[in-house]
Amino acid sequence: MVTAVNALKESIEEKKFVNGEDEESVQEWSSGIEEIVNQADECMRELTSQIEQIDRNLKHASALHEHKREIELEREKLRQKQEAVERAHAEELEFEKKKLELKQVQTEPPEITAMASNVVKMPKLVITKFDGTPQDWVRFWGQFETQIDKSSTLEVTKFSYLKELVDLKVRNLIDGLPFTPEGYEKAKDLLARRYGKTSEVVGAYVRNILELPTVRERHVKQIHEFYEKLLFNVESLQTLQSINKLDAAVRFTFDKLDVIKNELAMIDENWSEWTFVQFLEALEKWTINNPVQGVENLEALNVYASSKQKRFFRLKALVATGCLQKIEDRRPDLN
């Protein structure tokens, strides 16, 4: 294992020089690795010394069989600890090597890149960091699972990306896990249980609706923003099949738009019996008829006409991430 680590270290040093790094930075990196290896050696010497001390003490014991058994047990612990340290070092060096290979591939001309088709290619990271809220989990995990988790990359490399793509308070939850494939699986399970529960996601969307601000003046832009926030949360609850439970709060939300209440009521004489879906439809018509200054009517129509399709794709993301236990396999009703 030590020989393999040294060989891998020398290989990475060569690649760093090829990538244009100066001798001082390479030497600094190499010194850091050597310090880690020396710490492992010191640990080995310390444990060996402890075993020798135990061996000397046990020579005075009367039970020779028990004496031999304890020595073998300590030797096995020593061997496992040494292998674990060496394995962790090897994984870190392998991760560094993959990053350097990727950097080299990205800077090579197209003809050279084509010849090196066997080089591992990592997915391009264009994922916004997970902010640690249940309603953002569906979006984040859908992107991460597609681009990172399902790739053929090493599990420890995926673990590194996961740590970099979450908010600091979320990272603190998984930083203590071992930097191993098993640790990566535990991290995914921990985050899914913490942020991916359907009840937590539903509760977050409901709070967003109930906490919408009251619009006190006929400010078209503010009303459009109110509609967009309400649309996102209502359609998310529709996807989770939980919107009907909230229909009793339509009047409460409607009153927050008292400044245009009469205009909305003119759209449908049965406005007092609206569900959230019907309320959104009326509000959508108002926004189309009252576009924000500077926005073309045709553009506004295109944006709002696509809102129903967005709900279908959000449904697919929720099913893929396990937020829904069972949903009929069909396109949602777009009427």
C-alpha atoms as a PDB file:
ATOM      1  CA  MET A   1       0.000   0.000   0.000  1.00  0.00           C
ATOM      2  CA  VAL A   2       2.845   2.403   0.908  1.00  0.00           C
ATOM      3  CA  THR A   3       4.596   1.680  -2.405  1.00  0.00           C
ATOM      4  CA  ALA A   4       1.365   2.391  -4.320  1.00  0.00           C
ATOM      5  CA  VAL A   5       0.864   5.679  -2.439  1.00  0.00           C
ATOM      6  CA  ASN A   6       4.406   6.823  -3.244  1.00  0.00           C
ATOM      7  CA  ALA A   7       4.011   5.881  -6.912  1.00  0.00           C
ATOM      8  CA  LEU A   8       0.709   7.753  -7.110  1.00  0.00           C
ATOM      9  CA  LYS A   9       2.294  10.766  -5.379  1.00  0.00           C
ATOM     10  CA  GLU A  10       5.149  10.876  -7.937  1.00  0.00           C
ATOM     11  CA  SER A  11       2.632  10.542 -10.798  1.00  0.00           C
ATOM     12  CA  ILE A  12       0.634  13.519  -9.508  1.00  0.00           C
ATOM     13  CA  GLU A  13       3.785  15.613  -9.104  1.00  0.00           C
ATOM     14  CA  GLU A  14       4.604  14.975 -12.778  1.00  0.00           C
ATOM     15  CA  LYS A  15       1.099  15.981 -13.842  1.00  0.00           C
ATOM     16  CA  LYS A  16       1.292  19.176 -11.779  1.00  0.00           C
ATOM     17  CA  PHE A  17       4.517  20.112 -13.585  1.00  0.00           C
ATOM     18  CA  VAL A  18       2.850  19.294 -16.941  1.00  0.00           C
ATOM     19  CA  ASN A  19      -0.064  21.567 -16.007  1.00  0.00           C
ATOM     20  CA  GLY A  20       2.346  24.440 -15.501  1.00  0.00           C
ATOM     21  CA  GLU A  21       2.564  24.600 -11.712  1.00  0.00           C
ATOM     22  CA  ASP A  22       5.881  25.913 -10.401  1.00  0.00           C
ATOM     23  CA  GLU A  23       8.339  23.864  -8.410  1.00  0.00           C
ATOM     24  CA  GLU A  24       7.601  25.726  -5.165  1.00  0.00           C
ATOM     25  CA  SER A  25       3.859  24.951  -5.204  1.00  0.00           C
ATOM     26  CA  VAL A  26       4.495  21.325  -6.164  1.00  0.00           C
ATOM     27  CA  GLN A  27       7.083  21.013  -3.382  1.00  0.00           C
ATOM     28  CA  GLU A  28       4.621  22.572  -0.903  1.00  0.00           C
ATOM     29  CA  TRP A  29       1.925  20.047  -1.937  1.00  0.00           C
ATOM     30  CA  SER A  30       4.424  17.177  -1.744  1.00  0.00           C
ATOM     31  CA  SER A  31       5.560  18.267   1.725  1.00  0.00           C
ATOM     32  CA  GLY A  32       1.982  18.226   2.923  1.00  0.00           C
ATOM     33  CA  ILE A  33       1.483  14.657   1.666  1.00  0.00           C
ATOM     34  CA  GLU A  34       4.771  13.551   3.203  1.00  0.00           C
ATOM     35  CA  GLU A  35       3.701  15.065   6.523  1.00  0.00           C
ATOM     36  CA  ILE A  36       0.512  12.989   6.439  1.00  0.00           C
ATOM     37  CA  VAL A  37       2.481   9.826   5.619  1.00  0.00           C
ATOM     38  CA  ASN A  38       4.942  10.609   8.436  1.00  0.00           C
ATOM     39  CA  GLN A  39       2.020  10.965  10.830  1.00  0.00           C
ATOM     40  CA  ALA A  40       0.856   7.507   9.754  1.00  0.00           C
ATOM     41  CA  ASP A  41       4.356   6.129  10.329  1.00  0.00           C
ATOM     42  CA  GLU A  42       4.465   7.768  13.767  1.00  0.00           C
ATOM     43  CA  CYS A  43       1.111   6.193  14.534  1.00  0.00           C
ATOM     44  CA  MET A  44       2.537   2.847  13.436  1.00  0.00           C
ATOM     45  CA  ARG A  45       5.560   3.221  15.698  1.00  0.00           C
ATOM     46  CA  GLU A  46       3.399   4.268  18.632  1.00  0.00           C
ATOM     47  CA  LEU A  47       1.061   1.339  18.215  1.00  0.00           C
ATOM     48  CA  THR A  48       3.986  -1.047  17.773  1.00  0.00           C
ATOM     49  CA  SER A  49       5.493   0.270  20.998  1.00  0.00           C
ATOM     50  CA  GLN A  50       2.196  -0.290  22.782  1.00  0.00           C
ATOM     51  CA  ILE A  51       1.999  -3.834  21.503  1.00  0.00           C
ATOM     52  CA  GLU A  52       5.534  -4.547  22.646  1.00  0.00           C
ATOM     53  CA  GLN A  53       4.677  -3.176  26.087  1.00  0.00           C
ATOM     54  CA  ILE A  54       1.592  -5.359  26.237  1.00  0.00           C
ATOM     55  CA  ASP A  55       3.702  -8.329  25.147  1.00  0.00           C
ATOM     56  CA  ARG A  56       6.202  -7.708  27.961  1.00  0.00           C
ATOM     57  CA  ASN A  57       3.442  -7.368  30.539  1.00  0.00           C
ATOM     58  CA  LEU A  58       1.669 -10.497  29.405  1.00  0.00           C
ATOM     59  CA  LYS A  59       4.842 -12.602  29.797  1.00  0.00           C
ATOM     60  CA  HIS A  60       4.174 -12.562  33.522  1.00  0.00           C
ATOM     61  CA  ALA A  61       0.636 -13.847  33.134  1.00  0.00           C
ATOM     62  CA  SER A  62      -0.173 -17.464  33.902  1.00  0.00           C
ATOM     63  CA  ALA A  63      -2.652 -17.977  31.035  1.00  0.00           C
ATOM     64  CA  LEU A  64      -0.402 -18.466  27.980  1.00  0.00           C
ATOM     65  CA  HIS A  65      -3.312 -19.075  25.650  1.00  0.00           C
ATOM     66  CA  GLU A  66      -5.046 -15.835  26.656  1.00  0.00           C
ATOM     67  CA  HIS A  67      -1.738 -14.055  26.323  1.00  0.00           C
ATOM     68  CA  LYS A  68      -1.332 -15.155  22.690  1.00  0.00           C
ATOM     69  CA  ARG A  69      -4.953 -14.322  21.860  1.00  0.00           C
ATOM     70  CA  GLU A  70      -4.692 -10.728  23.088  1.00  0.00           C
ATOM     71  CA  ILE A  71      -1.458 -10.197  21.173  1.00  0.00           C
ATOM     72  CA  GLU A  72      -3.053 -11.405  17.943  1.00  0.00           C
ATOM     73  CA  LEU A  73      -6.052  -9.158  18.555  1.00  0.00           C
ATOM     74  CA  GLU A  74      -3.861  -6.083  19.003  1.00  0.00           C
ATOM     75  CA  ARG A  75      -1.873  -6.974  15.905  1.00  0.00           C
ATOM     76  CA  GLU A  76      -5.078  -7.268  13.890  1.00  0.00           C
ATOM     77  CA  LYS A  77      -6.274  -3.865  15.122  1.00  0.00           C
ATOM     78  CA  LEU A  78      -2.923  -2.392  14.179  1.00  0.00           C
ATOM     79  CA  ARG A  79      -3.081  -3.908  10.719  1.00  0.00           C
ATOM     80  CA  GLN A  80      -6.640  -2.657  10.109  1.00  0.00           C
ATOM     81  CA  LYS A  81      -5.822   0.851  11.317  1.00  0.00           C
ATOM     82  CA  GLN A  82      -2.729   1.007   9.141  1.00  0.00           C
ATOM     83  CA  GLU A  83      -4.706  -0.166   6.093  1.00  0.00           C
ATOM     84  CA  ALA A  84      -7.452   2.382   6.794  1.00  0.00           C
ATOM     85  CA  VAL A  85      -4.932   5.243   6.983  1.00  0.00           C
ATOM     86  CA  GLU A  86      -3.167   4.134   3.805  1.00  0.00           C
ATOM     87  CA  ARG A  87      -6.471   3.632   1.982  1.00  0.00           C
ATOM     88  CA  ALA A  88      -7.659   7.126   2.903  1.00  0.00           C
ATOM     89  CA  HIS A  89      -4.389   8.629   1.665  1.00  0.00           C
ATOM     90  CA  ALA A  90      -4.645   6.681  -1.581  1.00  0.00           C
ATOM     91  CA  GLU A  91      -8.228   7.883  -2.151  1.00  0.00           C
ATOM     92  CA  GLU A  92      -7.243  11.516  -1.571  1.00  0.00           C
ATOM     93  CA  LEU A  93      -4.338  11.188  -4.010  1.00  0.00           C
ATOM     94  CA  GLU A  94      -6.603   9.513  -6.568  1.00  0.00           C
ATOM     95  CA  PHE A  95      -9.095  12.359  -6.252  1.00  0.00           C
ATOM     96  CA  GLU A  96      -6.316  14.898  -6.798  1.00  0.00           C
ATOM     97  CA  LYS A  97      -5.120  12.960  -9.825  1.00  0.00           C
ATOM     98  CA  LYS A  98      -8.614  12.939 -11.376  1.00  0.00           C
ATOM     99  CA  LYS A  99      -8.922  16.711 -10.928  1.00  0.00           C
ATOM    100  CA  LEU A 100      -5.580  17.257 -12.631  1.00  0.00           C
ATOM    101  CA  GLU A 101      -6.542  14.944 -15.502  1.00  0.00           C
ATOM    102  CA  LEU A 102      -9.795  16.823 -15.978  1.00  0.00           C
ATOM    103  CA  LYS A 103      -7.977  20.169 -15.953  1.00  0.00           C
ATOM    104  CA  GLN A 104      -5.491  18.857 -18.513  1.00  0.00           C
ATOM    105  CA  VAL A 105      -8.263  17.583 -20.798  1.00  0.00           C
ATOM    106  CA  GLN A 106     -10.052  20.945 -20.661  1.00  0.00           C
ATOM    107  CA  THR A 107      -6.893  22.822 -21.702  1.00  0.00           C
ATOM    108  CA  GLU A 108      -5.804  20.449 -24.495  1.00  0.00           C
ATOM    109  CA  PRO A 109      -6.613  21.158 -28.186  1.00  0.00           C
ATOM    110  CA  PRO A 110      -9.640  19.269 -29.605  1.00  0.00           C
ATOM    111  CA  GLU A 111      -7.488  16.799 -31.566  1.00  0.00           C
ATOM    112  CA  ILE A 112      -5.548  15.794 -28.441  1.00  0.00           C
ATOM    113  CA  THR A 113      -8.724  15.531 -26.382  1.00  0.00           C
ATOM    114  CA  ALA A 114     -10.258  13.215 -28.969  1.00  0.00           C
ATOM    115  CA  MET A 115      -7.251  10.885 -28.745  1.00  0.00           C
ATOM    116  CA  ALA A 116      -7.587  10.701 -24.944  1.00  0.00           C
ATOM    117  CA  SER A 117     -11.147   9.413 -24.993  1.00  0.00           C
ATOM    118  CA  ASN A 118     -10.470   7.051 -22.128  1.00  0.00           C
ATOM    119  CA  VAL A 119      -9.958   9.908 -19.631  1.00  0.00           C
ATOM    120  CA  VAL A 120     -12.695  10.152 -16.991  1.00  0.00           C
ATOM    121  CA  LYS A 121     -14.879  13.190 -17.679  1.00  0.00           C
ATOM    122  CA  MET A 122     -16.627  14.783 -14.761  1.00  0.00           C
ATOM    123  CA  PRO A 123     -19.995  16.507 -15.282  1.00  0.00           C
ATOM    124  CA  LYS A 124     -19.916  20.260 -15.572  1.00  0.00           C
ATOM    125  CA  LEU A 125     -21.025  21.762 -12.284  1.00  0.00           C
ATOM    126  CA  VAL A 126     -23.816  24.246 -12.954  1.00  0.00           C
ATOM    127  CA  ILE A 127     -25.837  23.370  -9.851  1.00  0.00           C
ATOM    128  CA  THR A 128     -26.933  26.088  -7.456  1.00  0.00           C
ATOM    129  CA  LYS A 129     -26.038  25.321  -3.844  1.00  0.00           C
ATOM    130  CA  PHE A 130     -28.736  23.687  -1.707  1.00  0.00           C
ATOM    131  CA  ASP A 131     -29.908  26.352   0.747  1.00  0.00           C
ATOM    132  CA  GLY A 132     -31.024  23.961   3.484  1.00  0.00           C
ATOM    133  CA  THR A 133     -34.797  24.387   3.096  1.00  0.00           C
ATOM    134  CA  PRO A 134     -37.256  21.534   2.345  1.00  0.00           C
ATOM    135  CA  GLN A 135     -38.740  23.308  -0.684  1.00  0.00           C
ATOM    136  CA  ASP A 136     -35.294  23.623  -2.282  1.00  0.00           C
ATOM    137  CA  TRP A 137     -34.449  19.944  -1.749  1.00  0.00           C
ATOM    138  CA  VAL A 138     -36.521  18.694  -4.708  1.00  0.00           C
ATOM    139  CA  ARG A 139     -34.779  21.084  -7.108  1.00  0.00           C
ATOM    140  CA  PHE A 140     -31.302  20.441  -5.753  1.00  0.00           C
ATOM    141  CA  TRP A 141     -31.462  16.661  -5.508  1.00  0.00           C
ATOM    142  CA  GLY A 142     -33.002  16.325  -8.979  1.00  0.00           C
ATOM    143  CA  GLN A 143     -30.024  18.181 -10.474  1.00  0.00           C
ATOM    144  CA  PHE A 144     -27.369  16.545  -8.286  1.00  0.00           C
ATOM    145  CA  GLU A 145     -28.657  13.028  -8.842  1.00  0.00           C
ATOM    146  CA  THR A 146     -28.725  13.463 -12.623  1.00  0.00           C
ATOM    147  CA  GLN A 147     -25.355  15.174 -13.037  1.00  0.00           C
ATOM    148  CA  ILE A 148     -23.278  13.707 -10.209  1.00  0.00           C
ATOM    149  CA  ASP A 149     -24.807  10.786  -8.317  1.00  0.00           C
ATOM    150  CA  LYS A 150     -25.619   8.693 -11.406  1.00  0.00           C
ATOM    151  CA  SER A 151     -22.257   9.318 -13.075  1.00  0.00           C
ATOM    152  CA  SER A 152     -19.460   6.714 -13.143  1.00  0.00           C
ATOM    153  CA  THR A 153     -17.214   8.852 -10.937  1.00  0.00           C
ATOM    154  CA  LEU A 154     -15.640   7.500  -7.736  1.00  0.00           C
ATOM    155  CA  GLU A 155     -17.968   7.649  -4.735  1.00  0.00           C
ATOM    156  CA  VAL A 156     -15.487   9.699  -2.712  1.00  0.00           C
ATOM    157  CA  THR A 157     -15.341  12.229  -5.556  1.00  0.00           C
ATOM    158  CA  LYS A 158     -19.146  12.475  -5.546  1.00  0.00           C
ATOM    159  CA  PHE A 159     -18.939  13.021  -1.784  1.00  0.00           C
ATOM    160  CA  SER A 160     -16.563  15.951  -2.359  1.00  0.00           C
ATOM    161  CA  TYR A 161     -18.995  17.553  -4.817  1.00  0.00           C
ATOM    162  CA  LEU A 162     -21.906  17.022  -2.410  1.00  0.00           C
ATOM    163  CA  LYS A 163     -20.046  18.856   0.350  1.00  0.00           C
ATOM    164  CA  GLU A 164     -19.217  21.759  -1.978  1.00  0.00           C
ATOM    165  CA  LEU A 165     -22.806  22.110  -3.244  1.00  0.00           C
ATOM    166  CA  VAL A 166     -24.622  22.555   0.069  1.00  0.00           C
ATOM    167  CA  ASP A 167     -24.935  25.489   2.439  1.00  0.00           C
ATOM    168  CA  LEU A 168     -22.490  25.622   5.366  1.00  0.00           C
ATOM    169  CA  LYS A 169     -25.132  24.671   7.943  1.00  0.00           C
ATOM    170  CA  VAL A 170     -26.020  21.611   5.846  1.00  0.00           C
ATOM    171  CA  ARG A 171     -22.375  20.679   5.352  1.00  0.00           C
ATOM    172  CA  ASN A 172     -21.876  20.656   9.121  1.00  0.00           C
ATOM    173  CA  LEU A 173     -24.328  17.746   9.282  1.00  0.00           C
ATOM    174  CA  ILE A 174     -22.191  15.514   7.046  1.00  0.00           C
ATOM    175  CA  ASP A 175     -18.645  16.742   7.667  1.00  0.00           C
ATOM    176  CA  GLY A 176     -18.146  14.244  10.471  1.00  0.00           C
ATOM    177  CA  LEU A 177     -18.874  11.224   8.264  1.00  0.00           C
ATOM    178  CA  PRO A 178     -15.897   9.180   6.990  1.00  0.00           C
ATOM    179  CA  PHE A 179     -14.545  10.135   3.567  1.00  0.00           C
ATOM    180  CA  THR A 180     -15.446   6.736   2.081  1.00  0.00           C
ATOM    181  CA  PRO A 181     -18.144   5.267  -0.231  1.00  0.00           C
ATOM    182  CA  GLU A 182     -20.033   4.189   2.886  1.00  0.00           C
ATOM    183  CA  GLY A 183     -19.802   7.712   4.271  1.00  0.00           C
ATOM    184  CA  TYR A 184     -21.234   9.101   1.015  1.00  0.00           C
ATOM    185  CA  GLU A 185     -24.231   6.762   1.222  1.00  0.00           C
ATOM    186  CA  LYS A 186     -24.835   7.749   4.846  1.00  0.00           C
ATOM    187  CA  ALA A 187     -24.672  11.440   3.885  1.00  0.00           C
ATOM    188  CA  LYS A 188     -27.289  11.014   1.148  1.00  0.00           C
ATOM    189  CA  ASP A 189     -29.580   9.107   3.489  1.00  0.00           C
ATOM    190  CA  LEU A 190     -29.163  11.708   6.250  1.00  0.00           C
ATOM    191  CA  LEU A 191     -30.008  14.642   3.958  1.00  0.00           C
ATOM    192  CA  ALA A 192     -32.982  12.846   2.390  1.00  0.00           C
ATOM    193  CA  ARG A 193     -34.429  12.073   5.834  1.00  0.00           C
ATOM    194  CA  ARG A 194     -33.803  15.609   7.068  1.00  0.00           C
ATOM    195  CA  TYR A 195     -35.041  17.617   4.061  1.00  0.00           C
ATOM    196  CA  GLY A 196     -36.891  15.235   1.720  1.00  0.00           C
ATOM    197  CA  LYS A 197     -39.922  14.294   3.821  1.00  0.00           C
ATOM    198  CA  THR A 198     -43.165  15.039   1.987  1.00  0.00           C
ATOM    199  CA  SER A 199     -44.748  16.498   5.128  1.00  0.00           C
ATOM    200  CA  GLU A 200     -41.849  18.940   5.566  1.00  0.00           C
ATOM    201  CA  VAL A 201     -41.988  20.016   1.911  1.00  0.00           C
ATOM    202  CA  VAL A 202     -45.758  20.528   2.041  1.00  0.00           C
ATOM    203  CA  GLY A 203     -45.446  22.508   5.262  1.00  0.00           C
ATOM    204  CA  ALA A 204     -42.854  24.800   3.695  1.00  0.00           C
ATOM    205  CA  TYR A 205     -45.083  25.577   0.688  1.00  0.00           C
ATOM    206  CA  VAL A 206     -48.085  26.231   2.949  1.00  0.00           C
ATOM    207  CA  ARG A 207     -46.059  28.667   5.079  1.00  0.00           C
ATOM    208  CA  ASN A 208     -44.918  30.472   1.932  1.00  0.00           C
ATOM    209  CA  ILE A 209     -48.554  31.028   0.903  1.00  0.00           C
ATOM    210  CA  LEU A 210     -49.769  32.135   4.321  1.00  0.00           C
ATOM    211  CA  GLU A 211     -46.835  34.544   4.699  1.00  0.00           C
ATOM    212  CA  LEU A 212     -47.369  36.339   1.381  1.00  0.00           C
ATOM    213  CA  PRO A 213     -47.358  40.115   2.016  1.00  0.00           C
ATOM    214  CA  THR A 214     -50.482  42.245   1.734  1.00  0.00           C
ATOM    215  CA  VAL A 215     -50.490  44.506  -1.344  1.00  0.00           C
ATOM    216  CA  ARG A 216     -51.878  47.854  -0.161  1.00  0.00           C
ATOM    217  CA  GLU A 217     -51.513  49.862  -3.384  1.00  0.00           C
ATOM    218  CA  ARG A 218     -52.330  49.089  -7.002  1.00  0.00           C
ATOM    219  CA  HIS A 219     -48.669  48.482  -7.812  1.00  0.00           C
ATOM    220  CA  VAL A 220     -48.696  46.280 -10.930  1.00  0.00           C
ATOM    221  CA  LYS A 221     -45.186  44.914 -10.446  1.00  0.00           C
ATOM    222  CA  GLN A 222     -45.869  43.932  -6.825  1.00  0.00           C
ATOM    223  CA  ILE A 223     -49.083  42.178  -7.852  1.00  0.00           C
ATOM    224  CA  HIS A 224     -47.194  40.265 -10.561  1.00  0.00           C
ATOM    225  CA  GLU A 225     -44.610  39.196  -7.969  1.00  0.00           C
ATOM    226  CA  PHE A 226     -47.421  38.126  -5.622  1.00  0.00           C
ATOM    227  CA  TYR A 227     -48.933  36.030  -8.423  1.00  0.00           C
ATOM    228  CA  GLU A 228     -45.615  34.373  -9.347  1.00  0.00           C
ATOM    229  CA  LYS A 229     -44.894  33.353  -5.727  1.00  0.00           C
ATOM    230  CA  LEU A 230     -48.419  32.086  -5.240  1.00  0.00           C
ATOM    231  CA  LEU A 231     -48.290  30.190  -8.552  1.00  0.00           C
ATOM    232  CA  PHE A 232     -45.083  28.369  -7.648  1.00  0.00           C
ATOM    233  CA  ASN A 233     -46.308  27.277  -4.222  1.00  0.00           C
ATOM    234  CA  VAL A 234     -49.844  26.319  -5.277  1.00  0.00           C
ATOM    235  CA  GLU A 235     -48.658  24.241  -8.229  1.00  0.00           C
ATOM    236  CA  SER A 236     -46.057  22.568  -6.030  1.00  0.00           C
ATOM    237  CA  LEU A 237     -48.844  21.610  -3.612  1.00  0.00           C
ATOM    238  CA  GLN A 238     -50.924  20.374  -6.556  1.00  0.00           C
ATOM    239  CA  THR A 239     -48.041  18.160  -7.585  1.00  0.00           C
ATOM    240  CA  LEU A 240     -47.865  16.803  -4.041  1.00  0.00           C
ATOM    241  CA  GLN A 241     -51.666  16.268  -4.130  1.00  0.00           C
ATOM    242  CA  SER A 242     -52.079  18.479  -1.045  1.00  0.00           C
ATOM    243  CA  ILE A 243     -53.676  21.672  -2.374  1.00  0.00           C
ATOM    244  CA  ASN A 244     -57.290  20.724  -1.519  1.00  0.00           C
ATOM    245  CA  LYS A 245     -56.471  20.791   2.188  1.00  0.00           C
ATOM    246  CA  LEU A 246     -55.574  24.468   1.880  1.00  0.00           C
ATOM    247  CA  ASP A 247     -58.582  25.707  -0.120  1.00  0.00           C
ATOM    248  CA  ALA A 248     -60.164  27.033   3.082  1.00  0.00           C
ATOM    249  CA  ALA A 249     -57.419  29.672   3.146  1.00  0.00           C
ATOM    250  CA  VAL A 250     -58.304  31.110  -0.282  1.00  0.00           C
ATOM    251  CA  ARG A 251     -60.347  33.963   1.225  1.00  0.00           C
ATOM    252  CA  PHE A 252     -57.486  34.810   3.595  1.00  0.00           C
ATOM    253  CA  THR A 253     -55.058  35.047   0.671  1.00  0.00           C
ATOM    254  CA  PHE A 254     -57.605  36.833  -1.529  1.00  0.00           C
ATOM    255  CA  ASP A 255     -57.972  39.582   1.087  1.00  0.00           C
ATOM    256  CA  LYS A 256     -54.276  40.368   0.731  1.00  0.00           C
ATOM    257  CA  LEU A 257     -55.131  41.703  -2.754  1.00  0.00           C
ATOM    258  CA  ASP A 258     -58.010  43.853  -1.556  1.00  0.00           C
ATOM    259  CA  VAL A 259     -56.734  46.670  -3.761  1.00  0.00           C
ATOM    260  CA  ILE A 260     -57.847  44.753  -6.897  1.00  0.00           C
ATOM    261  CA  LYS A 261     -60.496  42.601  -5.259  1.00  0.00           C
ATOM    262  CA  ASN A 262     -63.354  44.144  -7.232  1.00  0.00           C
ATOM    263  CA  GLU A 263     -61.505  43.672 -10.533  1.00  0.00           C
ATOM    264  CA  LEU A 264     -60.926  39.994  -9.786  1.00  0.00           C
ATOM    265  CA  ALA A 265     -64.512  39.447  -8.665  1.00  0.00           C
ATOM    266  CA  MET A 266     -65.742  40.773 -12.029  1.00  0.00           C
ATOM    267  CA  ILE A 267     -63.957  37.894 -13.764  1.00  0.00           C
ATOM    268  CA  ASP A 268     -66.186  35.274 -12.087  1.00  0.00           C
ATOM    269  CA  GLU A 269     -69.434  35.945 -10.223  1.00  0.00           C
ATOM    270  CA  ASN A 270     -68.796  32.828  -8.087  1.00  0.00           C
ATOM    271  CA  TRP A 271     -65.583  34.261  -6.715  1.00  0.00           C
ATOM    272  CA  SER A 272     -66.638  33.622  -3.104  1.00  0.00           C
ATOM    273  CA  GLU A 273     -66.486  29.874  -3.795  1.00  0.00           C
ATOM    274  CA  TRP A 274     -63.076  29.870  -5.506  1.00  0.00           C
ATOM    275  CA  THR A 275     -60.527  27.187  -4.873  1.00  0.00           C
ATOM    276  CA  PHE A 276     -56.854  28.137  -5.045  1.00  0.00           C
ATOM    277  CA  VAL A 277     -56.686  26.887  -8.630  1.00  0.00           C
ATOM    278  CA  GLN A 278     -59.627  29.078  -9.666  1.00  0.00           C
ATOM    279  CA  PHE A 279     -58.191  32.030  -7.755  1.00  0.00           C
ATOM    280  CA  LEU A 280     -54.904  31.600  -9.644  1.00  0.00           C
ATOM    281  CA  GLU A 281     -56.697  31.455 -12.991  1.00  0.00           C
ATOM    282  CA  ALA A 282     -58.455  34.743 -12.277  1.00  0.00           C
ATOM    283  CA  LEU A 283     -55.242  36.351 -11.076  1.00  0.00           C
ATOM    284  CA  GLU A 284     -53.423  35.078 -14.162  1.00  0.00           C
ATOM    285  CA  LYS A 285     -55.996  36.794 -16.410  1.00  0.00           C
ATOM    286  CA  TRP A 286     -55.533  40.019 -14.449  1.00  0.00           C
ATOM    287  CA  THR A 287     -51.739  39.914 -14.910  1.00  0.00           C
ATOM    288  CA  ILE A 288     -52.122  39.313 -18.657  1.00  0.00           C
ATOM    289  CA  ASN A 289     -54.496  42.270 -18.937  1.00  0.00           C
ATOM    290  CA  ASN A 290     -52.225  44.403 -16.731  1.00  0.00           C
ATOM    291  CA  PRO A 291     -48.646  43.683 -17.823  1.00  0.00           C
ATOM    292  CA  VAL A 292     -45.665  45.201 -16.061  1.00  0.00           C
ATOM    293  CA  GLN A 293     -44.535  48.338 -17.862  1.00  0.00           C
ATOM    294  CA  GLY A 294     -41.922  47.464 -20.464  1.00  0.00           C
ATOM    295  CA  VAL A 295     -43.029  43.813 -20.855  1.00  0.00           C
ATOM    296  CA  GLU A 296     -44.561  42.938 -24.202  1.00  0.00           C
ATOM    297  CA  ASN A 297     -48.014  41.422 -24.048  1.00  0.00           C
ATOM    298  CA  LEU A 298     -47.019  38.504 -26.271  1.00  0.00           C
ATOM    299  CA  GLU A 299     -44.067  37.685 -24.041  1.00  0.00           C
ATOM    300  CA  ALA A 300     -46.261  37.774 -20.963  1.00  0.00           C
ATOM    301  CA  LEU A 301     -48.768  35.446 -22.618  1.00  0.00           C
ATOM    302  CA  ASN A 302     -46.026  32.982 -23.514  1.00  0.00           C
ATOM    303  CA  VAL A 303     -44.687  32.976 -19.964  1.00  0.00           C
ATOM    304  CA  TYR A 304     -48.030  32.332 -18.342  1.00  0.00           C
ATOM    305  CA  ALA A 305     -49.175  29.852 -20.997  1.00  0.00           C
ATOM    306  CA  SER A 306     -46.204  27.653 -20.104  1.00  0.00           C
ATOM    307  CA  SER A 307     -46.993  27.611 -16.383  1.00  0.00           C
ATOM    308  CA  LYS A 308     -49.133  24.495 -16.669  1.00  0.00           C
ATOM    309  CA  GLN A 309     -46.347  22.562 -18.384  1.00  0.00           C
ATOM    310  CA  LYS A 310     -43.959  23.541 -15.580  1.00  0.00           C
ATOM    311  CA  ARG A 311     -46.143  21.671 -13.115  1.00  0.00           C
ATOM    312  CA  PHE A 312     -45.704  18.453 -15.136  1.00  0.00           C
ATOM    313  CA  PHE A 313     -41.908  18.661 -15.021  1.00  0.00           C
ATOM    314  CA  ARG A 314     -41.967  19.481 -11.308  1.00  0.00           C
ATOM    315  CA  LEU A 315     -44.092  16.350 -10.833  1.00  0.00           C
ATOM    316  CA  LYS A 316     -41.423  14.246 -12.571  1.00  0.00           C
ATOM    317  CA  ALA A 317     -38.730  15.690 -10.324  1.00  0.00           C
ATOM    318  CA  LEU A 318     -40.713  14.924  -7.169  1.00  0.00           C
ATOM    319  CA  VAL A 319     -41.367  11.335  -8.254  1.00  0.00           C
ATOM    320  CA  ALA A 320     -37.702  10.829  -9.157  1.00  0.00           C
ATOM    321  CA  THR A 321     -36.502  12.057  -5.771  1.00  0.00           C
ATOM    322  CA  GLY A 322     -38.964   9.936  -3.790  1.00  0.00           C
ATOM    323  CA  CYS A 323     -41.003  12.815  -2.385  1.00  0.00           C
ATOM    324  CA  LEU A 324     -44.190  11.107  -3.567  1.00  0.00           C
ATOM    325  CA  GLN A 325     -45.001   7.564  -2.532  1.00  0.00           C
ATOM    326  CA  LYS A 326     -47.322   6.812  -5.413  1.00  0.00           C
ATOM    327  CA  ILE A 327     -48.656   8.943  -8.240  1.00  0.00           C
ATOM    328  CA  GLU A 328     -50.571   7.750 -11.255  1.00  0.00           C
ATOM    329  CA  ASP A 329     -48.269   7.546 -14.282  1.00  0.00           C
ATOM    330  CA  ARG A 330     -49.946  10.083 -16.519  1.00  0.00           C
ATOM    331  CA  ARG A 331     -49.645  13.732 -17.577  1.00  0.00           C
ATOM    332  CA  PRO A 332     -51.446  16.104 -15.203  1.00  0.00           C
ATOM    333  CA  ASP A 333     -54.704  17.699 -16.260  1.00  0.00           C
ATOM    334  CA  LEU A 334     -53.735  20.939 -18.006  1.00  0.00           C
ATOM    335  CA  ASN A 335     -57.257  22.258 -18.308  1.00  0.00           C
END
